[in-house]
PDB file of all heavy atoms in Angstrom:
ATOM      1  N   MET A   1     163.728  92.389 165.741  1.00  0.00           N
ATOM      2  CA  MET A   1     164.216  92.198 167.110  1.00  0.00           C
ATOM      3  C   MET A   1     165.447  91.294 167.142  1.00  0.00           C
ATOM      4  O   MET A   1     165.635  90.424 166.279  1.00  0.00           O
ATOM      5  CB  MET A   1     163.113  91.582 167.968  1.00  0.00           C
ATOM      6  CG  MET A   1     162.808  90.140 167.635  1.00  0.00           C
ATOM      7  SD  MET A   1     161.375  89.501 168.496  1.00  0.00           S
ATOM      8  CE  MET A   1     160.058  90.178 167.491  1.00  0.00           C
ATOM      9  N   PHE A   2     166.300  91.518 168.112  1.00  0.00           N
ATOM     10  CA  PHE A   2     167.468  90.665 168.356  1.00  0.00           C
ATOM     11  C   PHE A   2     167.742  90.709 169.849  1.00  0.00           C
ATOM     12  O   PHE A   2     167.308  91.626 170.562  1.00  0.00           O
ATOM     13  CB  PHE A   2     168.686  91.149 167.555  1.00  0.00           C
ATOM     14  CG  PHE A   2     169.056  92.582 167.857  1.00  0.00           C
ATOM     15  CD1 PHE A   2     169.969  92.891 168.858  1.00  0.00           C
ATOM     16  CD2 PHE A   2     168.481  93.637 167.158  1.00  0.00           C
ATOM     17  CE1 PHE A   2     170.298  94.213 169.160  1.00  0.00           C
ATOM     18  CE2 PHE A   2     168.797  94.955 167.445  1.00  0.00           C
ATOM     19  CZ  PHE A   2     169.708  95.247 168.448  1.00  0.00           C
ATOM     20  N   PHE A   3     168.474  89.721 170.353  1.00  0.00           N
ATOM     21  CA  PHE A   3     168.698  89.609 171.798  1.00  0.00           C
ATOM     22  C   PHE A   3     170.175  89.580 172.172  1.00  0.00           C
ATOM     23  O   PHE A   3     170.508  89.401 173.338  1.00  0.00           O
ATOM     24  CB  PHE A   3     167.975  88.375 172.342  1.00  0.00           C
ATOM     25  CG  PHE A   3     166.485  88.462 172.179  1.00  0.00           C
ATOM     26  CD1 PHE A   3     165.857  87.928 171.064  1.00  0.00           C
ATOM     27  CD2 PHE A   3     165.708  89.126 173.110  1.00  0.00           C
ATOM     28  CE1 PHE A   3     164.484  88.036 170.897  1.00  0.00           C
ATOM     29  CE2 PHE A   3     164.340  89.241 172.955  1.00  0.00           C
ATOM     30  CZ  PHE A   3     163.720  88.692 171.843  1.00  0.00           C
ATOM     31  N   ASP A   4     171.015  89.771 171.179  1.00  0.00           N
ATOM     32  CA  ASP A   4     172.464  89.851 171.404  1.00  0.00           C
ATOM     33  C   ASP A   4     172.964  91.072 170.648  1.00  0.00           C
ATOM     34  O   ASP A   4     172.946  91.097 169.418  1.00  0.00           O
ATOM     35  CB  ASP A   4     173.142  88.568 170.903  1.00  0.00           C
ATOM     36  CG  ASP A   4     174.652  88.575 171.094  1.00  0.00           C
ATOM     37  OD1 ASP A   4     175.221  89.642 171.448  1.00  0.00           O
ATOM     38  OD2 ASP A   4     175.271  87.520 170.897  1.00  0.00           O
ATOM     39  N   ASN A   5     173.410  92.094 171.370  1.00  0.00           N
ATOM     40  CA  ASN A   5     173.812  93.337 170.710  1.00  0.00           C
ATOM     41  C   ASN A   5     174.985  93.170 169.774  1.00  0.00           C
ATOM     42  O   ASN A   5     175.151  93.940 168.825  1.00  0.00           O
ATOM     43  CB  ASN A   5     174.141  94.402 171.758  1.00  0.00           C
ATOM     44  CG  ASN A   5     172.909  94.968 172.435  1.00  0.00           C
ATOM     45  OD1 ASN A   5     171.795  94.562 172.143  1.00  0.00           O
ATOM     46  ND2 ASN A   5     173.110  95.903 173.346  1.00  0.00           N
ATOM     47  N   ASN A   6     175.809  92.167 170.001  1.00  0.00           N
ATOM     48  CA  ASN A   6     176.947  91.939 169.100  1.00  0.00           C
ATOM     49  C   ASN A   6     176.478  91.623 167.680  1.00  0.00           C
ATOM     50  O   ASN A   6     177.183  91.923 166.712  1.00  0.00           O
ATOM     51  CB  ASN A   6     177.832  90.806 169.627  1.00  0.00           C
ATOM     52  CG  ASN A   6     178.621  91.222 170.850  1.00  0.00           C
ATOM     53  OD1 ASN A   6     179.081  92.361 170.944  1.00  0.00           O
ATOM     54  ND2 ASN A   6     178.778  90.325 171.808  1.00  0.00           N
ATOM     55  N   ILE A   7     175.292  91.033 167.566  1.00  0.00           N
ATOM     56  CA  ILE A   7     174.719  90.768 166.245  1.00  0.00           C
ATOM     57  C   ILE A   7     174.479  92.085 165.518  1.00  0.00           C
ATOM     58  O   ILE A   7     174.788  92.221 164.325  1.00  0.00           O
ATOM     59  CB  ILE A   7     173.417  89.959 166.374  1.00  0.00           C
ATOM     60  CG1 ILE A   7     173.735  88.534 166.837  1.00  0.00           C
ATOM     61  CG2 ILE A   7     172.640  89.936 165.069  1.00  0.00           C
ATOM     62  CD1 ILE A   7     172.507  87.714 167.194  1.00  0.00           C
ATOM     63  N   LEU A   8     173.950  93.068 166.233  1.00  0.00           N
ATOM     64  CA  LEU A   8     173.711  94.378 165.611  1.00  0.00           C
ATOM     65  C   LEU A   8     175.020  95.057 165.247  1.00  0.00           C
ATOM     66  O   LEU A   8     175.154  95.583 164.132  1.00  0.00           O
ATOM     67  CB  LEU A   8     172.914  95.291 166.539  1.00  0.00           C
ATOM     68  CG  LEU A   8     172.716  96.687 165.949  1.00  0.00           C
ATOM     69  CD1 LEU A   8     171.607  96.686 164.913  1.00  0.00           C
ATOM     70  CD2 LEU A   8     172.452  97.734 167.008  1.00  0.00           C
ATOM     71  N   TYR A   9     175.987  95.059 166.144  1.00  0.00           N
ATOM     72  CA  TYR A   9     177.247  95.756 165.872  1.00  0.00           C
ATOM     73  C   TYR A   9     177.930  95.161 164.641  1.00  0.00           C
ATOM     74  O   TYR A   9     178.460  95.895 163.799  1.00  0.00           O
ATOM     75  CB  TYR A   9     178.173  95.671 167.084  1.00  0.00           C
ATOM     76  CG  TYR A   9     177.604  96.312 168.331  1.00  0.00           C
ATOM     77  CD1 TYR A   9     177.784  95.737 169.591  1.00  0.00           C
ATOM     78  CD2 TYR A   9     176.875  97.498 168.268  1.00  0.00           C
ATOM     79  CE1 TYR A   9     177.255  96.313 170.736  1.00  0.00           C
ATOM     80  CE2 TYR A   9     176.343  98.088 169.405  1.00  0.00           C
ATOM     81  CZ  TYR A   9     176.535  97.489 170.639  1.00  0.00           C
ATOM     82  OH  TYR A   9     176.012  98.066 171.769  1.00  0.00           O
ATOM     83  N   ASN A  10     177.897  93.843 164.513  1.00  0.00           N
ATOM     84  CA  ASN A  10     178.483  93.188 163.347  1.00  0.00           C
ATOM     85  C   ASN A  10     177.719  93.557 162.073  1.00  0.00           C
ATOM     86  O   ASN A  10     178.316  93.828 161.023  1.00  0.00           O
ATOM     87  CB  ASN A  10     178.477  91.674 163.553  1.00  0.00           C
ATOM     88  CG  ASN A  10     179.080  90.913 162.385  1.00  0.00           C
ATOM     89  OD1 ASN A  10     178.359  90.462 161.500  1.00  0.00           O
ATOM     90  ND2 ASN A  10     180.388  90.778 162.381  1.00  0.00           N
ATOM     91  N   PHE A  11     176.389  93.591 162.181  1.00  0.00           N
ATOM     92  CA  PHE A  11     175.538  93.964 161.041  1.00  0.00           C
ATOM     93  C   PHE A  11     175.832  95.386 160.588  1.00  0.00           C
ATOM     94  O   PHE A  11     175.974  95.651 159.380  1.00  0.00           O
ATOM     95  CB  PHE A  11     174.078  93.816 161.450  1.00  0.00           C
ATOM     96  CG  PHE A  11     173.084  94.292 160.432  1.00  0.00           C
ATOM     97  CD1 PHE A  11     172.853  93.588 159.268  1.00  0.00           C
ATOM     98  CD2 PHE A  11     172.348  95.452 160.662  1.00  0.00           C
ATOM     99  CE1 PHE A  11     171.918  94.012 158.336  1.00  0.00           C
ATOM    100  CE2 PHE A  11     171.409  95.897 159.738  1.00  0.00           C
ATOM    101  CZ  PHE A  11     171.195  95.171 158.578  1.00  0.00           C
ATOM    102  N   LEU A  12     175.944  96.317 161.533  1.00  0.00           N
ATOM    103  CA  LEU A  12     176.221  97.714 161.176  1.00  0.00           C
ATOM    104  C   LEU A  12     177.561  97.836 160.462  1.00  0.00           C
ATOM    105  O   LEU A  12     177.692  98.584 159.486  1.00  0.00           O
ATOM    106  CB  LEU A  12     176.208  98.587 162.434  1.00  0.00           C
ATOM    107  CG  LEU A  12     174.845  98.800 163.099  1.00  0.00           C
ATOM    108  CD1 LEU A  12     174.998  99.595 164.391  1.00  0.00           C
ATOM    109  CD2 LEU A  12     173.867  99.493 162.166  1.00  0.00           C
ATOM    110  N   TYR A  13     178.551  97.110 160.929  1.00  0.00           N
ATOM    111  CA  TYR A  13     179.866  97.143 160.268  1.00  0.00           C
ATOM    112  C   TYR A  13     179.737  96.662 158.821  1.00  0.00           C
ATOM    113  O   TYR A  13     180.283  97.280 157.891  1.00  0.00           O
ATOM    114  CB  TYR A  13     180.854  96.270 161.037  1.00  0.00           C
ATOM    115  CG  TYR A  13     182.186  96.131 160.353  1.00  0.00           C
ATOM    116  CD1 TYR A  13     183.157  97.131 160.458  1.00  0.00           C
ATOM    117  CD2 TYR A  13     182.475  95.007 159.571  1.00  0.00           C
ATOM    118  CE1 TYR A  13     184.382  97.007 159.806  1.00  0.00           C
ATOM    119  CE2 TYR A  13     183.696  94.881 158.927  1.00  0.00           C
ATOM    120  CZ  TYR A  13     184.650  95.880 159.046  1.00  0.00           C
ATOM    121  OH  TYR A  13     185.857  95.756 158.399  1.00  0.00           O
ATOM    122  N   ARG A  14     179.012  95.560 158.620  1.00  0.00           N
ATOM    123  CA  ARG A  14     178.911  94.970 157.281  1.00  0.00           C
ATOM    124  C   ARG A  14     178.124  95.865 156.325  1.00  0.00           C
ATOM    125  O   ARG A  14     178.503  96.018 155.154  1.00  0.00           O
ATOM    126  CB  ARG A  14     178.267  93.580 157.363  1.00  0.00           C
ATOM    127  CG  ARG A  14     179.206  92.532 157.967  1.00  0.00           C
ATOM    128  CD  ARG A  14     178.628  91.137 157.930  1.00  0.00           C
ATOM    129  NE  ARG A  14     177.566  90.953 158.909  1.00  0.00           N
ATOM    130  CZ  ARG A  14     176.298  90.724 158.619  1.00  0.00           C
ATOM    131  NH1 ARG A  14     175.917  90.643 157.351  1.00  0.00           N
ATOM    132  NH2 ARG A  14     175.393  90.554 159.552  1.00  0.00           N
ATOM    133  N   ILE A  15     177.031  96.485 156.784  1.00  0.00           N
ATOM    134  CA  ILE A  15     176.248  97.305 155.855  1.00  0.00           C
ATOM    135  C   ILE A  15     176.947  98.625 155.561  1.00  0.00           C
ATOM    136  O   ILE A  15     176.863  99.127 154.437  1.00  0.00           O
ATOM    137  CB  ILE A  15     174.808  97.538 156.358  1.00  0.00           C
ATOM    138  CG1 ILE A  15     174.769  98.386 157.629  1.00  0.00           C
ATOM    139  CG2 ILE A  15     174.081  96.216 156.543  1.00  0.00           C
ATOM    140  CD1 ILE A  15     173.366  98.842 158.007  1.00  0.00           C
ATOM    141  N   ARG A  16     177.644  99.200 156.546  1.00  0.00           N
ATOM    142  CA  ARG A  16     178.388 100.440 156.274  1.00  0.00           C
ATOM    143  C   ARG A  16     179.487 100.170 155.257  1.00  0.00           C
ATOM    144  O   ARG A  16     179.764 101.011 154.384  1.00  0.00           O
ATOM    145  CB  ARG A  16     178.993 100.996 157.562  1.00  0.00           C
ATOM    146  CG  ARG A  16     178.009 101.374 158.667  1.00  0.00           C
ATOM    147  CD  ARG A  16     176.856 102.237 158.200  1.00  0.00           C
ATOM    148  NE  ARG A  16     176.047 102.724 159.314  1.00  0.00           N
ATOM    149  CZ  ARG A  16     174.754 103.030 159.217  1.00  0.00           C
ATOM    150  NH1 ARG A  16     174.122 102.882 158.063  1.00  0.00           N
ATOM    151  NH2 ARG A  16     174.090 103.481 160.267  1.00  0.00           N
ATOM    152  N   GLU A  17     180.099  99.005 155.362  1.00  0.00           N
ATOM    153  CA  GLU A  17     181.152  98.626 154.421  1.00  0.00           C
ATOM    154  C   GLU A  17     180.615  98.543 152.988  1.00  0.00           C
ATOM    155  O   GLU A  17     181.348  98.781 152.021  1.00  0.00           O
ATOM    156  CB  GLU A  17     181.733  97.277 154.845  1.00  0.00           C
ATOM    157  CG  GLU A  17     183.018  96.890 154.145  1.00  0.00           C
ATOM    158  CD  GLU A  17     183.577  95.569 154.673  1.00  0.00           C
ATOM    159  OE1 GLU A  17     182.796  94.607 154.822  1.00  0.00           O
ATOM    160  OE2 GLU A  17     184.784  95.515 154.932  1.00  0.00           O
ATOM    161  N   LYS A  18     179.321  98.239 152.849  1.00  0.00           N
ATOM    162  CA  LYS A  18     178.693  98.124 151.530  1.00  0.00           C
ATOM    163  C   LYS A  18     177.999  99.416 151.096  1.00  0.00           C
ATOM    164  O   LYS A  18     177.268  99.432 150.100  1.00  0.00           O
ATOM    165  CB  LYS A  18     177.683  96.974 151.524  1.00  0.00           C
ATOM    166  CG  LYS A  18     178.317  95.604 151.760  1.00  0.00           C
ATOM    167  CD  LYS A  18     179.345  95.260 150.704  1.00  0.00           C
ATOM    168  CE  LYS A  18     179.953  93.884 150.936  1.00  0.00           C
ATOM    169  NZ  LYS A  18     181.004  93.555 149.931  1.00  0.00           N
ATOM    170  N   GLY A  19     178.215 100.499 151.841  1.00  0.00           N
ATOM    171  CA  GLY A  19     177.709 101.793 151.413  1.00  0.00           C
ATOM    172  C   GLY A  19     176.308 102.140 151.860  1.00  0.00           C
ATOM    173  O   GLY A  19     175.711 103.098 151.346  1.00  0.00           O
ATOM    174  N   ILE A  20     175.766 101.407 152.828  1.00  0.00           N
ATOM    175  CA  ILE A  20     174.444 101.744 153.384  1.00  0.00           C
ATOM    176  C   ILE A  20     174.670 102.674 154.554  1.00  0.00           C
ATOM    177  O   ILE A  20     175.153 102.260 155.613  1.00  0.00           O
ATOM    178  CB  ILE A  20     173.688 100.470 153.819  1.00  0.00           C
ATOM    179  CG1 ILE A  20     173.468  99.550 152.617  1.00  0.00           C
ATOM    180  CG2 ILE A  20     172.357 100.839 154.474  1.00  0.00           C
ATOM    181  CD1 ILE A  20     172.895  98.191 152.969  1.00  0.00           C
ATOM    182  N   THR A  21     174.334 103.945 154.377  1.00  0.00           N
ATOM    183  CA  THR A  21     174.706 104.962 155.363  1.00  0.00           C
ATOM    184  C   THR A  21     173.513 105.576 156.093  1.00  0.00           C
ATOM    185  O   THR A  21     173.710 106.422 156.966  1.00  0.00           O
ATOM    186  CB  THR A  21     175.499 106.087 154.676  1.00  0.00           C
ATOM    187  OG1 THR A  21     174.687 106.679 153.651  1.00  0.00           O
ATOM    188  CG2 THR A  21     176.784 105.545 154.052  1.00  0.00           C
ATOM    189  N   VAL A  22     172.287 105.181 155.763  1.00  0.00           N
ATOM    190  CA  VAL A  22     171.124 105.760 156.433  1.00  0.00           C
ATOM    191  C   VAL A  22     171.100 105.328 157.896  1.00  0.00           C
ATOM    192  O   VAL A  22     171.680 104.294 158.258  1.00  0.00           O
ATOM    193  CB  VAL A  22     169.809 105.348 155.740  1.00  0.00           C
ATOM    194  CG1 VAL A  22     169.757 105.886 154.320  1.00  0.00           C
ATOM    195  CG2 VAL A  22     169.623 103.831 155.778  1.00  0.00           C
ATOM    196  N   PRO A  23     170.440 106.107 158.779  1.00  0.00           N
ATOM    197  CA  PRO A  23     170.340 105.706 160.191  1.00  0.00           C
ATOM    198  C   PRO A  23     169.645 104.354 160.352  1.00  0.00           C
ATOM    199  O   PRO A  23     168.731 104.020 159.593  1.00  0.00           O
ATOM    200  CB  PRO A  23     169.505 106.822 160.813  1.00  0.00           C
ATOM    201  CG  PRO A  23     169.659 107.989 159.896  1.00  0.00           C
ATOM    202  CD  PRO A  23     169.806 107.412 158.521  1.00  0.00           C
ATOM    203  N   VAL A  24     170.092 103.602 161.341  1.00  0.00           N
ATOM    204  CA  VAL A  24     169.511 102.294 161.657  1.00  0.00           C
ATOM    205  C   VAL A  24     169.013 102.312 163.103  1.00  0.00           C
ATOM    206  O   VAL A  24     169.793 102.557 164.020  1.00  0.00           O
ATOM    207  CB  VAL A  24     170.527 101.159 161.469  1.00  0.00           C
ATOM    208  CG1 VAL A  24     169.917  99.814 161.885  1.00  0.00           C
ATOM    209  CG2 VAL A  24     171.010 101.100 160.024  1.00  0.00           C
ATOM    210  N   LEU A  25     167.718 102.065 163.289  1.00  0.00           N
ATOM    211  CA  LEU A  25     167.148 101.987 164.629  1.00  0.00           C
ATOM    212  C   LEU A  25     167.083 100.525 165.060  1.00  0.00           C
ATOM    213  O   LEU A  25     166.420  99.718 164.398  1.00  0.00           O
ATOM    214  CB  LEU A  25     165.733 102.569 164.676  1.00  0.00           C
ATOM    215  CG  LEU A  25     165.580 104.081 164.713  1.00  0.00           C
ATOM    216  CD1 LEU A  25     165.857 104.675 163.338  1.00  0.00           C
ATOM    217  CD2 LEU A  25     164.205 104.469 165.195  1.00  0.00           C
ATOM    218  N   PRO A  26     167.754 100.167 166.168  1.00  0.00           N
ATOM    219  CA  PRO A  26     167.630  98.804 166.672  1.00  0.00           C
ATOM    220  C   PRO A  26     166.221  98.558 167.206  1.00  0.00           C
ATOM    221  O   PRO A  26     165.660  99.422 167.892  1.00  0.00           O
ATOM    222  CB  PRO A  26     168.649  98.751 167.820  1.00  0.00           C
ATOM    223  CG  PRO A  26     169.486  99.968 167.683  1.00  0.00           C
ATOM    224  CD  PRO A  26     168.661 100.982 166.972  1.00  0.00           C
ATOM    225  N   GLY A  27     165.660  97.410 166.892  1.00  0.00           N
ATOM    226  CA  GLY A  27     164.353  97.035 167.416  1.00  0.00           C
ATOM    227  C   GLY A  27     164.513  96.114 168.616  1.00  0.00           C
ATOM    228  O   GLY A  27     165.039  95.012 168.486  1.00  0.00           O
ATOM    229  N   ILE A  28     164.066  96.571 169.782  1.00  0.00           N
ATOM    230  CA  ILE A  28     164.228  95.816 171.020  1.00  0.00           C
ATOM    231  C   ILE A  28     162.865  95.323 171.507  1.00  0.00           C
ATOM    232  O   ILE A  28     161.921  96.106 171.617  1.00  0.00           O
ATOM    233  CB  ILE A  28     164.894  96.678 172.114  1.00  0.00           C
ATOM    234  CG1 ILE A  28     166.285  97.132 171.661  1.00  0.00           C
ATOM    235  CG2 ILE A  28     164.973  95.922 173.436  1.00  0.00           C
ATOM    236  CD1 ILE A  28     167.276  96.004 171.426  1.00  0.00           C
ATOM    237  N   MET A  29     162.792  94.033 171.805  1.00  0.00           N
ATOM    238  CA  MET A  29     161.555  93.435 172.278  1.00  0.00           C
ATOM    239  C   MET A  29     161.692  93.013 173.743  1.00  0.00           C
ATOM    240  O   MET A  29     162.447  92.082 174.047  1.00  0.00           O
ATOM    241  CB  MET A  29     161.206  92.199 171.430  1.00  0.00           C
ATOM    242  CG  MET A  29     160.122  91.311 172.026  1.00  0.00           C
ATOM    243  SD  MET A  29     158.481  92.017 171.918  1.00  0.00           S
ATOM    244  CE  MET A  29     158.046  91.527 170.249  1.00  0.00           C
ATOM    245  N   PRO A  30     161.014  93.700 174.667  1.00  0.00           N
ATOM    246  CA  PRO A  30     160.983  93.215 176.048  1.00  0.00           C
ATOM    247  C   PRO A  30     160.082  91.975 176.128  1.00  0.00           C
ATOM    248  O   PRO A  30     158.868  92.073 175.925  1.00  0.00           O
ATOM    249  CB  PRO A  30     160.383  94.384 176.835  1.00  0.00           C
ATOM    250  CG  PRO A  30     160.390  95.560 175.903  1.00  0.00           C
ATOM    251  CD  PRO A  30     160.301  94.979 174.530  1.00  0.00           C
ATOM    252  N   VAL A  31     160.674  90.825 176.361  1.00  0.00           N
ATOM    253  CA  VAL A  31     159.904  89.587 176.443  1.00  0.00           C
ATOM    254  C   VAL A  31     159.351  89.455 177.859  1.00  0.00           C
ATOM    255  O   VAL A  31     160.106  89.302 178.815  1.00  0.00           O
ATOM    256  CB  VAL A  31     160.763  88.366 176.081  1.00  0.00           C
ATOM    257  CG1 VAL A  31     159.976  87.073 176.278  1.00  0.00           C
ATOM    258  CG2 VAL A  31     161.233  88.474 174.632  1.00  0.00           C
ATOM    259  N   THR A  32     158.039  89.528 177.989  1.00  0.00           N
ATOM    260  CA  THR A  32     157.435  89.573 179.315  1.00  0.00           C
ATOM    261  C   THR A  32     156.604  88.342 179.649  1.00  0.00           C
ATOM    262  O   THR A  32     156.058  88.250 180.736  1.00  0.00           O
ATOM    263  CB  THR A  32     156.543  90.825 179.447  1.00  0.00           C
ATOM    264  OG1 THR A  32     155.558  90.819 178.400  1.00  0.00           O
ATOM    265  CG2 THR A  32     157.389  92.094 179.335  1.00  0.00           C
ATOM    266  N   ASN A  33     156.508  87.386 178.711  1.00  0.00           N
ATOM    267  CA  ASN A  33     155.857  86.122 179.044  1.00  0.00           C
ATOM    268  C   ASN A  33     156.423  85.000 178.180  1.00  0.00           C
ATOM    269  O   ASN A  33     156.946  85.227 177.092  1.00  0.00           O
ATOM    270  CB  ASN A  33     154.332  86.210 178.911  1.00  0.00           C
ATOM    271  CG  ASN A  33     153.874  86.383 177.478  1.00  0.00           C
ATOM    272  OD1 ASN A  33     153.912  85.451 176.682  1.00  0.00           O
ATOM    273  ND2 ASN A  33     153.452  87.591 177.123  1.00  0.00           N
ATOM    274  N   LYS A  34     156.315  83.805 178.697  1.00  0.00           N
ATOM    275  CA  LYS A  34     156.956  82.638 178.083  1.00  0.00           C
ATOM    276  C   LYS A  34     156.401  82.329 176.692  1.00  0.00           C
ATOM    277  O   LYS A  34     157.123  81.841 175.816  1.00  0.00           O
ATOM    278  CB  LYS A  34     156.767  81.430 179.006  1.00  0.00           C
ATOM    279  CG  LYS A  34     157.677  80.258 178.740  1.00  0.00           C
ATOM    280  CD  LYS A  34     157.507  79.205 179.817  1.00  0.00           C
ATOM    281  CE  LYS A  34     158.468  78.052 179.622  1.00  0.00           C
ATOM    282  NZ  LYS A  34     158.322  77.053 180.719  1.00  0.00           N
ATOM    283  N   LYS A  35     155.127  82.634 176.455  1.00  0.00           N
ATOM    284  CA  LYS A  35     154.502  82.312 175.177  1.00  0.00           C
ATOM    285  C   LYS A  35     155.134  83.073 174.020  1.00  0.00           C
ATOM    286  O   LYS A  35     155.111  82.608 172.879  1.00  0.00           O
ATOM    287  CB  LYS A  35     153.005  82.609 175.238  1.00  0.00           C
ATOM    288  CG  LYS A  35     152.219  81.683 176.151  1.00  0.00           C
ATOM    289  CD  LYS A  35     150.743  82.037 176.140  1.00  0.00           C
ATOM    290  CE  LYS A  35     149.945  81.121 177.057  1.00  0.00           C
ATOM    291  NZ  LYS A  35     148.500  81.485 177.070  1.00  0.00           N
ATOM    292  N   GLN A  36     155.685  84.255 174.316  1.00  0.00           N
ATOM    293  CA  GLN A  36     156.303  85.046 173.250  1.00  0.00           C
ATOM    294  C   GLN A  36     157.497  84.324 172.631  1.00  0.00           C
ATOM    295  O   GLN A  36     157.799  84.529 171.457  1.00  0.00           O
ATOM    296  CB  GLN A  36     156.770  86.400 173.796  1.00  0.00           C
ATOM    297  CG  GLN A  36     155.649  87.382 174.107  1.00  0.00           C
ATOM    298  CD  GLN A  36     156.187  88.657 174.726  1.00  0.00           C
ATOM    299  OE1 GLN A  36     156.384  88.736 175.930  1.00  0.00           O
ATOM    300  NE2 GLN A  36     156.435  89.644 173.891  1.00  0.00           N
ATOM    301  N   ILE A  37     158.178  83.496 173.412  1.00  0.00           N
ATOM    302  CA  ILE A  37     159.402  82.854 172.936  1.00  0.00           C
ATOM    303  C   ILE A  37     159.124  81.963 171.737  1.00  0.00           C
ATOM    304  O   ILE A  37     159.831  82.004 170.727  1.00  0.00           O
ATOM    305  CB  ILE A  37     160.060  82.025 174.063  1.00  0.00           C
ATOM    306  CG1 ILE A  37     160.316  82.899 175.294  1.00  0.00           C
ATOM    307  CG2 ILE A  37     161.356  81.400 173.571  1.00  0.00           C
ATOM    308  CD1 ILE A  37     161.200  84.079 175.046  1.00  0.00           C
ATOM    309  N   ALA A  38     158.073  81.150 171.828  1.00  0.00           N
ATOM    310  CA  ALA A  38     157.741  80.247 170.724  1.00  0.00           C
ATOM    311  C   ALA A  38     157.391  81.033 169.472  1.00  0.00           C
ATOM    312  O   ALA A  38     157.801  80.681 168.354  1.00  0.00           O
ATOM    313  CB  ALA A  38     156.590  79.337 171.121  1.00  0.00           C
ATOM    314  N   ARG A  39     156.637  82.133 169.618  1.00  0.00           N
ATOM    315  CA  ARG A  39     156.264  82.953 168.456  1.00  0.00           C
ATOM    316  C   ARG A  39     157.484  83.596 167.821  1.00  0.00           C
ATOM    317  O   ARG A  39     157.611  83.661 166.602  1.00  0.00           O
ATOM    318  CB  ARG A  39     155.255  84.024 168.877  1.00  0.00           C
ATOM    319  CG  ARG A  39     153.893  83.489 169.250  1.00  0.00           C
ATOM    320  CD  ARG A  39     152.830  84.574 169.192  1.00  0.00           C
ATOM    321  NE  ARG A  39     153.092  85.627 170.155  1.00  0.00           N
ATOM    322  CZ  ARG A  39     152.645  85.637 171.404  1.00  0.00           C
ATOM    323  NH1 ARG A  39     151.909  84.618 171.843  1.00  0.00           N
ATOM    324  NH2 ARG A  39     152.908  86.643 172.211  1.00  0.00           N
ATOM    325  N   ILE A  40     158.399  84.076 168.672  1.00  0.00           N
ATOM    326  CA  ILE A  40     159.607  84.730 168.168  1.00  0.00           C
ATOM    327  C   ILE A  40     160.433  83.763 167.332  1.00  0.00           C
ATOM    328  O   ILE A  40     160.856  84.069 166.217  1.00  0.00           O
ATOM    329  CB  ILE A  40     160.440  85.291 169.339  1.00  0.00           C
ATOM    330  CG1 ILE A  40     159.734  86.494 169.965  1.00  0.00           C
ATOM    331  CG2 ILE A  40     161.842  85.683 168.871  1.00  0.00           C
ATOM    332  CD1 ILE A  40     160.307  86.926 171.290  1.00  0.00           C
ATOM    333  N   GLY A  41     160.651  82.574 167.864  1.00  0.00           N
ATOM    334  CA  GLY A  41     161.449  81.586 167.139  1.00  0.00           C
ATOM    335  C   GLY A  41     160.783  81.133 165.860  1.00  0.00           C
ATOM    336  O   GLY A  41     161.428  80.967 164.828  1.00  0.00           O
TER     337      GLY A  41
END
């Protein structure tokens, strides 16, 4: 999971540059309660 899409776009650029060409599915986590934040961090 990530919460800033720019992190993913930068990651995709870097891995493609290194020859990793397989599809990449972004993992999105809808945070629906405050307790999840502590676990995520």
